[in-house]
Every structure is written in structure tokens, then in C-alpha cells.
PDB file of N, CA and C in Angstrom:
ATOM      1  N   MET A   1      21.215   7.980   1.152  1.00  0.00           N
ATOM      2  CA  MET A   1      21.616   8.940   1.752  1.00  0.00           C
ATOM      3  C   MET A   1      22.137   9.936   1.553  1.00  0.00           C
ATOM      4  N   VAL A   2      22.663  10.239   0.196  1.00  0.00           N
ATOM      5  CA  VAL A   2      23.655  11.545   0.213  1.00  0.00           C
ATOM      6  C   VAL A   2      21.980  12.360  -0.808  1.00  0.00           C
ATOM      7  N   LYS A   3      20.300  12.127  -1.088  1.00  0.00           N
ATOM      8  CA  LYS A   3      19.593  12.783  -1.075  1.00  0.00           C
ATOM      9  C   LYS A   3      18.710  13.502  -0.055  1.00  0.00           C
ATOM     10  N   THR A   4      18.609  12.355   1.166  1.00  0.00           N
ATOM     11  CA  THR A   4      18.109  13.024   2.474  1.00  0.00           C
ATOM     12  C   THR A   4      18.695  13.976   2.798  1.00  0.00           C
ATOM     13  N   PHE A   5      20.071  13.762   2.845  1.00  0.00           N
ATOM     14  CA  PHE A   5      20.577  14.834   3.555  1.00  0.00           C
ATOM     15  C   PHE A   5      21.130  16.385   2.735  1.00  0.00           C
ATOM     16  N   GLN A   6      21.867  15.937   1.486  1.00  0.00           N
ATOM     17  CA  GLN A   6      21.748  17.026   0.845  1.00  0.00           C
ATOM     18  C   GLN A   6      23.372  17.351   0.859  1.00  0.00           C
ATOM     19  N   LYS A   7      24.138  15.805   1.106  1.00  0.00           N
ATOM     20  CA  LYS A   7      25.532  15.584   1.712  1.00  0.00           C
ATOM     21  C   LYS A   7      26.644  15.023   0.746  1.00  0.00           C
ATOM     22  N   LEU A   8      27.783  15.353   0.216  1.00  0.00           N
ATOM     23  CA  LEU A   8      28.268  14.258  -0.204  1.00  0.00           C
ATOM     24  C   LEU A   8      29.024  12.530   0.051  1.00  0.00           C
ATOM     25  N   PRO A   9      28.920  11.806  -0.254  1.00  0.00           N
ATOM     26  CA  PRO A   9      29.264  10.349   0.688  1.00  0.00           C
ATOM     27  C   PRO A   9      30.457  10.236   1.379  1.00  0.00           C
ATOM     28  N   ASP A  10      31.330  11.322   0.999  1.00  0.00           N
ATOM     29  CA  ASP A  10      32.474  11.924   1.576  1.00  0.00           C
ATOM     30  C   ASP A  10      32.649  12.414   2.768  1.00  0.00           C
ATOM     31  N   ASP A  11      31.494  12.739   2.744  1.00  0.00           N
ATOM     32  CA  ASP A  11      31.432  14.151   3.383  1.00  0.00           C
ATOM     33  C   ASP A  11      31.599  13.542   5.610  1.00  0.00           C
ATOM     34  N   GLU A  12      32.111  14.245   6.108  1.00  0.00           N
ATOM     35  CA  GLU A  12      32.061  13.507   7.862  1.00  0.00           C
ATOM     36  C   GLU A  12      30.941  12.927   8.168  1.00  0.00           C
ATOM     37  N   PHE A  13      29.765  13.951   7.531  1.00  0.00           N
ATOM     38  CA  PHE A  13      28.875  13.519   8.634  1.00  0.00           C
ATOM     39  C   PHE A  13      28.462  11.927   8.313  1.00  0.00           C
ATOM     40  N   ILE A  14      28.262  12.101   7.063  1.00  0.00           N
ATOM     41  CA  ILE A  14      27.990  10.507   5.967  1.00  0.00           C
ATOM     42  C   ILE A  14      28.853   9.475   6.742  1.00  0.00           C
ATOM     43  N   ALA A  15      30.344   9.650   6.739  1.00  0.00           N
ATOM     44  CA  ALA A  15      31.359   8.784   7.037  1.00  0.00           C
ATOM     45  C   ALA A  15      31.589   8.292   8.616  1.00  0.00           C
ATOM     46  N   ASP A  16      31.208   9.191   9.446  1.00  0.00           N
ATOM     47  CA  ASP A  16      31.218   9.321  10.539  1.00  0.00           C
ATOM     48  C   ASP A  16      29.892   8.231  11.455  1.00  0.00           C
ATOM     49  N   MET A  17      29.087   8.204  10.761  1.00  0.00           N
ATOM     50  CA  MET A  17      27.321   7.520  10.917  1.00  0.00           C
ATOM     51  C   MET A  17      27.940   6.258  11.911  1.00  0.00           C
ATOM     52  N   ASN A  18      26.775   5.964  13.245  1.00  0.00           N
ATOM     53  CA  ASN A  18      26.416   4.575  13.511  1.00  0.00           C
ATOM     54  C   ASN A  18      26.312   3.871  11.767  1.00  0.00           C
ATOM     55  N   GLN A  19      27.198   2.618  11.818  1.00  0.00           N
ATOM     56  CA  GLN A  19      27.286   1.469  10.487  1.00  0.00           C
ATOM     57  C   GLN A  19      25.959   0.866  10.756  1.00  0.00           C
ATOM     58  N   PHE A  20      24.630   1.070  11.865  1.00  0.00           N
ATOM     59  CA  PHE A  20      23.943   0.316  11.607  1.00  0.00           C
ATOM     60  C   PHE A  20      22.600   1.597  11.123  1.00  0.00           C
ATOM     61  N   THR A  21      22.833   2.767  11.488  1.00  0.00           N
ATOM     62  CA  THR A  21      22.107   3.563  11.478  1.00  0.00           C
ATOM     63  C   THR A  21      22.335   3.710   9.478  1.00  0.00           C
ATOM     64  N   LYS A  22      23.246   3.318   9.155  1.00  0.00           N
ATOM     65  CA  LYS A  22      23.850   3.470   7.796  1.00  0.00           C
ATOM     66  C   LYS A  22      22.428   2.295   6.745  1.00  0.00           C
ATOM     67  N   MET A  23      22.968   1.161   7.542  1.00  0.00           N
ATOM     68  CA  MET A  23      22.397  -0.330   7.142  1.00  0.00           C
ATOM     69  C   MET A  23      20.864  -0.115   7.318  1.00  0.00           C
ATOM     70  N   TRP A  24      20.853   0.773   7.850  1.00  0.00           N
ATOM     71  CA  TRP A  24      18.879   0.326   8.339  1.00  0.00           C
ATOM     72  C   TRP A  24      18.283   1.710   7.041  1.00  0.00           C
ATOM     73  N   MET A  25      19.454   2.869   7.011  1.00  0.00           N
ATOM     74  CA  MET A  25      18.986   3.901   5.557  1.00  0.00           C
ATOM     75  C   MET A  25      18.909   3.056   4.138  1.00  0.00           C
ATOM     76  N   PHE A  26      20.459   2.256   3.942  1.00  0.00           N
ATOM     77  CA  PHE A  26      20.213   1.927   3.319  1.00  0.00           C
ATOM     78  C   PHE A  26      18.692   0.732   2.854  1.00  0.00           C
ATOM     79  N   TYR A  27      18.645   0.083   3.665  1.00  0.00           N
ATOM     80  CA  TYR A  27      17.920  -1.269   3.624  1.00  0.00           C
ATOM     81  C   TYR A  27      16.181  -0.366   3.242  1.00  0.00           C
ATOM     82  N   ASN A  28      15.756   0.684   3.411  1.00  0.00           N
ATOM     83  CA  ASN A  28      14.670   2.012   3.419  1.00  0.00           C
ATOM     84  C   ASN A  28      14.709   1.992   2.037  1.00  0.00           C
ATOM     85  N   TRP A  29      15.802   2.916   1.454  1.00  0.00           N
ATOM     86  CA  TRP A  29      16.278   2.897   0.473  1.00  0.00           C
ATOM     87  C   TRP A  29      16.046   1.758  -0.819  1.00  0.00           C
ATOM     88  N   LEU A  30      16.466   0.861  -0.523  1.00  0.00           N
ATOM     89  CA  LEU A  30      16.123  -0.043  -1.263  1.00  0.00           C
ATOM     90  C   LEU A  30      14.909  -0.420  -1.644  1.00  0.00           C
ATOM     91  N   GLU A  31      14.214  -0.151  -0.336  1.00  0.00           N
ATOM     92  CA  GLU A  31      12.737  -0.328  -0.068  1.00  0.00           C
ATOM     93  C   GLU A  31      12.044   0.114  -0.946  1.00  0.00           C
ATOM     94  N   ASP A  32      12.231   1.301  -0.849  1.00  0.00           N
ATOM     95  CA  ASP A  32      11.804   2.362  -1.573  1.00  0.00           C
ATOM     96  C   ASP A  32      11.775   2.377  -3.375  1.00  0.00           C
ATOM     97  N   GLN A  33      12.973   2.234  -3.268  1.00  0.00           N
ATOM     98  CA  GLN A  33      13.170   1.443  -4.931  1.00  0.00           C
ATOM     99  C   GLN A  33      12.502   0.471  -5.113  1.00  0.00           C
ATOM    100  N   ARG A  34      12.353  -0.637  -4.690  1.00  0.00           N
ATOM    101  CA  ARG A  34      11.349  -1.699  -5.332  1.00  0.00           C
ATOM    102  C   ARG A  34       9.419  -1.667  -5.567  1.00  0.00           C
ATOM    103  N   ASP A  35       9.783  -0.251  -4.141  1.00  0.00           N
ATOM    104  CA  ASP A  35       7.712   0.470  -4.850  1.00  0.00           C
ATOM    105  C   ASP A  35       7.750   1.059  -5.361  1.00  0.00           C
ATOM    106  N   ASP A  36       8.964   1.648  -5.872  1.00  0.00           N
ATOM    107  CA  ASP A  36       8.915   2.487  -7.750  1.00  0.00           C
ATOM    108  C   ASP A  36       8.608   1.422  -8.800  1.00  0.00           C
ATOM    109  N   VAL A  37       9.583   0.745  -8.312  1.00  0.00           N
ATOM    110  CA  VAL A  37       9.210  -0.401  -9.721  1.00  0.00           C
ATOM    111  C   VAL A  37       8.013  -1.427  -9.515  1.00  0.00           C
ATOM    112  N   GLU A  38       7.973  -1.879  -8.339  1.00  0.00           N
ATOM    113  CA  GLU A  38       6.726  -2.137  -8.652  1.00  0.00           C
ATOM    114  C   GLU A  38       5.295  -1.352  -9.047  1.00  0.00           C
ATOM    115  N   LEU A  39       5.134  -0.132  -8.989  1.00  0.00           N
ATOM    116  CA  LEU A  39       4.255   1.322  -9.569  1.00  0.00           C
ATOM    117  C   LEU A  39       4.287   0.749 -10.923  1.00  0.00           C
ATOM    118  N   VAL A  40       5.849   0.979 -11.309  1.00  0.00           N
ATOM    119  CA  VAL A  40       6.184   1.594 -12.585  1.00  0.00           C
ATOM    120  C   VAL A  40       5.338  -0.123 -13.707  1.00  0.00           C
ATOM    121  N   LYS A  41       5.796  -1.354 -13.073  1.00  0.00           N
ATOM    122  CA  LYS A  41       5.688  -2.105 -13.673  1.00  0.00           C
ATOM    123  C   LYS A  41       4.185  -2.360 -13.745  1.00  0.00           C
ATOM    124  N   ASN A  42       3.137  -2.061 -12.318  1.00  0.00           N
ATOM    125  CA  ASN A  42       1.548  -1.817 -12.436  1.00  0.00           C
ATOM    126  C   ASN A  42       1.298  -0.846 -12.859  1.00  0.00           C
ATOM    127  N   HIS A  43       2.122  -0.139 -14.069  1.00  0.00           N
ATOM    128  CA  HIS A  43       0.947   0.931 -14.738  1.00  0.00           C
ATOM    129  C   HIS A  43       1.547   0.099 -16.161  1.00  0.00           C
ATOM    130  N   ALA A  44       2.396  -0.427 -15.955  1.00  0.00           N
ATOM    131  CA  ALA A  44       2.682  -1.021 -17.895  1.00  0.00           C
ATOM    132  C   ALA A  44       1.967  -1.745 -17.606  1.00  0.00           C
ATOM    133  N   TYR A  45       1.315  -2.773 -16.410  1.00  0.00           N
ATOM    134  CA  TYR A  45       0.037  -3.611 -16.770  1.00  0.00           C
ATOM    135  C   TYR A  45      -1.209  -2.895 -16.978  1.00  0.00           C
ATOM    136  N   LEU A  46      -1.675  -1.684 -16.824  1.00  0.00           N
ATOM    137  CA  LEU A  46      -2.617  -0.983 -16.681  1.00  0.00           C
ATOM    138  C   LEU A  46      -2.574  -0.830 -18.473  1.00  0.00           C
ATOM    139  N   LEU A  47      -1.303   0.049 -18.771  1.00  0.00           N
ATOM    140  CA  LEU A  47      -1.450   0.235 -19.733  1.00  0.00           C
ATOM    141  C   LEU A  47      -1.677  -0.866 -21.066  1.00  0.00           C
ATOM    142  N   GLY A  48      -1.181  -2.230 -21.066  1.00  0.00           N
ATOM    143  CA  GLY A  48      -0.875  -3.179 -21.703  1.00  0.00           C
ATOM    144  C   GLY A  48      -2.438  -3.874 -21.879  1.00  0.00           C
ATOM    145  N   SER A  49      -3.407  -4.238 -20.899  1.00  0.00           N
ATOM    146  CA  SER A  49      -4.668  -4.769 -21.189  1.00  0.00           C
ATOM    147  C   SER A  49      -5.274  -3.683 -21.415  1.00  0.00           C
ATOM    148  N   PHE A  50      -5.052  -1.920 -22.094  1.00  0.00           N
ATOM    149  CA  PHE A  50      -6.188  -2.036 -23.194  1.00  0.00           C
ATOM    150  C   PHE A  50      -6.087  -2.731 -24.419  1.00  0.00           C
ATOM    151  N   TRP A  51      -5.022  -2.983 -24.306  1.00  0.00           N
ATOM    152  CA  TRP A  51      -4.249  -3.461 -26.272  1.00  0.00           C
ATOM    153  C   TRP A  51      -4.424  -4.951 -26.203  1.00  0.00           C
ATOM    154  N   ASN A  52      -3.973  -4.818 -25.079  1.00  0.00           N
ATOM    155  CA  ASN A  52      -3.815  -6.338 -25.457  1.00  0.00           C
ATOM    156  C   ASN A  52      -4.292  -7.643 -23.862  1.00  0.00           C
ATOM    157  N   PRO A  53      -5.704  -7.770 -23.297  1.00  0.00           N
ATOM    158  CA  PRO A  53      -6.030  -7.861 -21.701  1.00  0.00           C
ATOM    159  C   PRO A  53      -5.458  -9.263 -21.601  1.00  0.00           C
ATOM    160  N   GLU A  54      -5.355  -9.867 -22.573  1.00  0.00           N
ATOM    161  CA  GLU A  54      -5.332 -11.873 -22.501  1.00  0.00           C
ATOM    162  C   GLU A  54      -3.759 -12.016 -22.554  1.00  0.00           C
ATOM    163  N   ALA A  55      -3.024 -10.889 -22.493  1.00  0.00           N
ATOM    164  CA  ALA A  55      -1.378 -11.330 -22.091  1.00  0.00           C
ATOM    165  C   ALA A  55      -0.832 -10.496 -21.119  1.00  0.00           C
ATOM    166  N   VAL A  56      -1.761  -9.354 -20.762  1.00  0.00           N
ATOM    167  CA  VAL A  56      -1.959  -8.635 -19.115  1.00  0.00           C
ATOM    168  C   VAL A  56      -2.146 -10.016 -18.169  1.00  0.00           C
ATOM    169  N   LYS A  57      -3.379 -10.781 -18.538  1.00  0.00           N
ATOM    170  CA  LYS A  57      -3.437 -12.461 -17.668  1.00  0.00           C
ATOM    171  C   LYS A  57      -2.931 -13.091 -17.554  1.00  0.00           C
ATOM    172  N   LYS A  58      -1.774 -13.017 -18.917  1.00  0.00           N
ATOM    173  CA  LYS A  58      -1.229 -14.715 -18.428  1.00  0.00           C
ATOM    174  C   LYS A  58       0.164 -14.074 -17.579  1.00  0.00           C
ATOM    175  N   LEU A  59       0.467 -12.842 -18.300  1.00  0.00           N
ATOM    176  CA  LEU A  59       1.797 -12.802 -17.186  1.00  0.00           C
ATOM    177  C   LEU A  59       1.693 -12.387 -15.460  1.00  0.00           C
ATOM    178  N   THR A  60       0.245 -11.485 -14.772  1.00  0.00           N
ATOM    179  CA  THR A  60      -0.063 -11.822 -13.843  1.00  0.00           C
ATOM    180  C   THR A  60      -0.531 -12.965 -13.453  1.00  0.00           C
ATOM    181  N   GLY A  61      -0.923 -14.313 -14.265  1.00  0.00           N
ATOM    182  CA  GLY A  61      -1.424 -15.178 -13.617  1.00  0.00           C
ATOM    183  C   GLY A  61      -3.061 -15.193 -12.953  1.00  0.00           C
ATOM    184  N   GLU A  62      -3.370 -14.029 -13.692  1.00  0.00           N
ATOM    185  CA  GLU A  62      -5.019 -14.322 -13.613  1.00  0.00           C
ATOM    186  C   GLU A  62      -5.214 -14.980 -14.807  1.00  0.00           C
ATOM    187  N   SER A  63      -6.050 -16.432 -14.230  1.00  0.00           N
ATOM    188  CA  SER A  63      -6.898 -17.242 -14.958  1.00  0.00           C
ATOM    189  C   SER A  63      -7.826 -17.331 -14.526  1.00  0.00           C
ATOM    190  N   GLY A  64      -8.938 -16.170 -15.207  1.00  0.00           N
ATOM    191  CA  GLY A  64      -9.531 -17.216 -13.791  1.00  0.00           C
ATOM    192  C   GLY A  64     -10.787 -17.402 -12.405  1.00  0.00           C
ATOM    193  N   GLN A  65     -10.154 -16.267 -11.651  1.00  0.00           N
ATOM    194  CA  GLN A  65      -9.905 -16.754 -10.388  1.00  0.00           C
ATOM    195  C   GLN A  65     -10.464 -15.294  -9.974  1.00  0.00           C
ATOM    196  N   GLN A  66     -11.524 -15.134 -10.547  1.00  0.00           N
ATOM    197  CA  GLN A  66     -11.989 -13.949 -10.437  1.00  0.00           C
ATOM    198  C   GLN A  66     -13.559 -14.119  -9.281  1.00  0.00           C
ATOM    199  N   TYR A  67     -13.704 -13.038  -8.375  1.00  0.00           N
ATOM    200  CA  TYR A  67     -14.714 -13.603  -7.130  1.00  0.00           C
ATOM    201  C   TYR A  67     -15.986 -13.034  -8.025  1.00  0.00           C
ATOM    202  N   SER A  68     -17.338 -13.354  -8.272  1.00  0.00           N
ATOM    203  CA  SER A  68     -18.440 -12.788  -8.936  1.00  0.00           C
ATOM    204  C   SER A  68     -19.962 -13.194  -7.703  1.00  0.00           C
ATOM    205  N   SER A  69     -20.857 -11.748  -8.087  1.00  0.00           N
ATOM    206  CA  SER A  69     -21.709 -12.002  -7.051  1.00  0.00           C
ATOM    207  C   SER A  69     -22.339 -12.196  -8.122  1.00  0.00           C
ATOM    208  N   THR A  70     -23.873 -12.342  -7.489  1.00  0.00           N
ATOM    209  CA  THR A  70     -25.007 -11.442  -8.139  1.00  0.00           C
ATOM    210  C   THR A  70     -25.252 -10.476  -7.595  1.00  0.00           C
ATOM    211  N   ASP A  71     -26.875  -9.722  -8.204  1.00  0.00           N
ATOM    212  CA  ASP A  71     -27.277  -7.943  -7.731  1.00  0.00           C
ATOM    213  C   ASP A  71     -27.993  -8.807  -6.384  1.00  0.00           C
ATOM    214  N   GLU A  72     -28.260  -9.919  -6.092  1.00  0.00           N
ATOM    215  CA  GLU A  72     -29.115 -10.116  -4.418  1.00  0.00           C
ATOM    216  C   GLU A  72     -27.824 -10.360  -3.436  1.00  0.00           C
ATOM    217  N   GLU A  73     -27.205 -11.393  -3.886  1.00  0.00           N
ATOM    218  CA  GLU A  73     -25.434 -11.509  -3.043  1.00  0.00           C
ATOM    219  C   GLU A  73     -24.955  -9.589  -2.687  1.00  0.00           C
ATOM    220  N   PHE A  74     -24.990  -9.086  -3.904  1.00  0.00           N
ATOM    221  CA  PHE A  74     -24.637  -7.464  -3.114  1.00  0.00           C
ATOM    222  C   PHE A  74     -25.598  -7.214  -2.523  1.00  0.00           C
ATOM    223  N   GLU A  75     -26.421  -6.563  -2.876  1.00  0.00           N
ATOM    224  CA  GLU A  75     -28.328  -6.433  -1.865  1.00  0.00           C
ATOM    225  C   GLU A  75     -27.482  -6.347  -0.571  1.00  0.00           C
ATOM    226  N   GLN A  76     -27.715  -8.015  -0.358  1.00  0.00           N
ATOM    227  CA  GLN A  76     -27.778  -8.142   1.146  1.00  0.00           C
ATOM    228  C   GLN A  76     -26.304  -8.081   1.546  1.00  0.00           C
ATOM    229  N   SER A  77     -24.915  -7.707   1.620  1.00  0.00           N
ATOM    230  CA  SER A  77     -24.106  -7.428   1.523  1.00  0.00           C
ATOM    231  C   SER A  77     -24.484  -6.118   1.862  1.00  0.00           C
ATOM    232  N   LEU A  78     -24.236  -5.086   1.570  1.00  0.00           N
ATOM    233  CA  LEU A  78     -24.886  -4.203   1.204  1.00  0.00           C
ATOM    234  C   LEU A  78     -26.115  -4.234   2.867  1.00  0.00           C
ATOM    235  N   GLU A  79     -27.356  -5.051   2.815  1.00  0.00           N
ATOM    236  CA  GLU A  79     -28.341  -4.920   4.233  1.00  0.00           C
ATOM    237  C   GLU A  79     -26.927  -5.167   5.542  1.00  0.00           C
ATOM    238  N   ILE A  80     -25.926  -5.655   5.291  1.00  0.00           N
ATOM    239  CA  ILE A  80     -25.030  -6.254   6.602  1.00  0.00           C
ATOM    240  C   ILE A  80     -24.298  -4.757   7.066  1.00  0.00           C
ATOM    241  N   VAL A  81     -24.254  -4.180   5.773  1.00  0.00           N
ATOM    242  CA  VAL A  81     -22.704  -2.807   6.163  1.00  0.00           C
ATOM    243  C   VAL A  81     -24.089  -2.265   6.697  1.00  0.00           C
ATOM    244  N   LYS A  82     -24.691  -1.711   6.350  1.00  0.00           N
ATOM    245  CA  LYS A  82     -26.112  -0.979   6.773  1.00  0.00           C
ATOM    246  C   LYS A  82     -26.324  -1.014   8.432  1.00  0.00           C
ATOM    247  N   GLN A  83     -26.711  -2.400   8.615  1.00  0.00           N
ATOM    248  CA  GLN A  83     -27.151  -2.967  10.203  1.00  0.00           C
ATOM    249  C   GLN A  83     -25.872  -2.656  10.997  1.00  0.00           C
ATOM    250  N   ASP A  84     -24.664  -2.439  10.521  1.00  0.00           N
ATOM    251  CA  ASP A  84     -23.518  -2.887  11.311  1.00  0.00           C
ATOM    252  C   ASP A  84     -23.356  -1.406  11.441  1.00  0.00           C
ATOM    253  N   ASN A  85     -23.265  -0.102  10.884  1.00  0.00           N
ATOM    254  CA  ASN A  85     -23.209   1.537  11.097  1.00  0.00           C
ATOM    255  C   ASN A  85     -24.820   1.317  11.538  1.00  0.00           C
ATOM    256  N   GLN A  86     -25.690   1.265  11.650  1.00  0.00           N
ATOM    257  CA  GLN A  86     -26.471   1.846  12.468  1.00  0.00           C
ATOM    258  C   GLN A  86     -26.365   1.087  13.522  1.00  0.00           C
ATOM    259  N   GLN A  87     -25.587  -0.045  14.117  1.00  0.00           N
ATOM    260  CA  GLN A  87     -25.355  -0.433  15.368  1.00  0.00           C
ATOM    261  C   GLN A  87     -24.674   0.469  15.825  1.00  0.00           C
ATOM    262  N   GLU A  88     -23.445   1.201  15.195  1.00  0.00           N
ATOM    263  CA  GLU A  88     -22.534   1.755  15.533  1.00  0.00           C
ATOM    264  C   GLU A  88     -22.613   3.403  15.801  1.00  0.00           C
ATOM    265  N   LYS A  89     -23.745   3.399  15.149  1.00  0.00           N
ATOM    266  CA  LYS A  89     -24.099   5.299  15.703  1.00  0.00           C
ATOM    267  C   LYS A  89     -24.879   5.378  16.762  1.00  0.00           C
ATOM    268  N   GLY A  90     -25.824   3.771  17.367  1.00  0.00           N
ATOM    269  CA  GLY A  90     -26.452   2.972  18.577  1.00  0.00           C
ATOM    270  C   GLY A  90     -25.842   3.761  19.977  1.00  0.00           C
ATOM    271  N   LYS A  91     -24.616   3.025  19.895  1.00  0.00           N
ATOM    272  CA  LYS A  91     -23.491   2.965  20.466  1.00  0.00           C
ATOM    273  C   LYS A  91     -23.313   4.334  21.156  1.00  0.00           C
ATOM    274  N   LYS A  92     -23.222   4.524  22.553  1.00  0.00           N
ATOM    275  CA  LYS A  92     -22.634   5.932  23.222  1.00  0.00           C
ATOM    276  C   LYS A  92     -21.360   5.487  23.525  1.00  0.00           C
ATOM    277  N   ARG A  93     -19.732   6.488  23.277  1.00  0.00           N
ATOM    278  CA  ARG A  93     -18.986   6.143  23.574  1.00  0.00           C
ATOM    279  C   ARG A  93     -18.458   7.096  25.126  1.00  0.00           C
ATOM    280  N   ARG A  94     -18.143   6.757  25.601  1.00  0.00           N
ATOM    281  CA  ARG A  94     -17.498   7.180  26.852  1.00  0.00           C
ATOM    282  C   ARG A  94     -16.195   7.707  27.095  1.00  0.00           C
ATOM    283  N   ARG A  95     -16.316   8.883  27.618  1.00  0.00           N
ATOM    284  CA  ARG A  95     -15.372   9.564  26.999  1.00  0.00           C
ATOM    285  C   ARG A  95     -14.361   9.830  28.160  1.00  0.00           C
ATOM    286  N   ARG A  96     -13.221   9.693  28.041  1.00  0.00           N
ATOM    287  CA  ARG A  96     -12.135   9.702  28.837  1.00  0.00           C
ATOM    288  C   ARG A  96     -12.276  10.898  30.058  1.00  0.00           C
ATOM    289  N   LYS A  97     -11.876  10.491  31.121  1.00  0.00           N
ATOM    290  CA  LYS A  97     -12.230  11.602  32.035  1.00  0.00           C
ATOM    291  C   LYS A  97      -9.922  11.968  32.107  1.00  0.00           C
ATOM    292  N   ILE A  98     -10.343  13.796  32.320  1.00  0.00           N
ATOM    293  CA  ILE A  98      -8.381  13.764  32.045  1.00  0.00           C
ATOM    294  C   ILE A  98      -8.654  14.299  33.958  1.00  0.00           C
ATOM    295  N   LYS A  99      -7.586  14.114  34.724  1.00  0.00           N
ATOM    296  CA  LYS A  99      -7.788  14.994  35.912  1.00  0.00           C
ATOM    297  C   LYS A  99      -6.955  16.023  35.404  1.00  0.00           C
ATOM    298  N   GLY A 100      -7.244  16.684  36.423  1.00  0.00           N
ATOM    299  CA  GLY A 100      -5.948  17.877  36.327  1.00  0.00           C
ATOM    300  C   GLY A 100      -7.155  18.814  36.667  1.00  0.00           C
TER     301      GLY A 100
END
């Protein structure tokens, strides 16, 4: 809160703030801190994977749980997406009429 409002914790603005608002702001700040920690952890995994990929796989729990597909399966998936896009282009959207 101090960083957001540029005020000290003993400032009247923060001291007189609603308790529920303070708690809500605190939990949002806490979640931001968790997101920052997760980002740093993922960067460490990324850098570590260049030097020792096996160790990173052990840390992240990836032990052969990867999906792989053949070129034919990929081409089939691509065709499905293309067909879906063509169907969407063929549809005419109805515009909302604004009364006024």
C-alpha cells in the first residue's frame, strides 16, 4: 500500500482506510509477490536447462509426460483449423441496431 499510494504506513489515509479494503489490497500484493517468485523460479529452470536438462526435468517432475505427434497428425490438425476459419469467414454477423 505504501508503494501504491506513495504514503507512509502511519499516514492518516492508510490508518483510516476500511479494514476490508486493507485486507483486499494486502492479498493482492501477496499474490503479486507470488507471481514474481514464480517468474524468477521459471527463469532459473530455463537457464538451468541449458547446463543440466536432466536435473531440471527431475525438479519439475517431467518424466516422459510429453505429447508427440507425427507430421500427418499435425497436418490433419492444421486442416481442421483451416476449415473452421473458413466457416467463420462465411458467416455474416448481424449488427446490433441502436435506437436513437
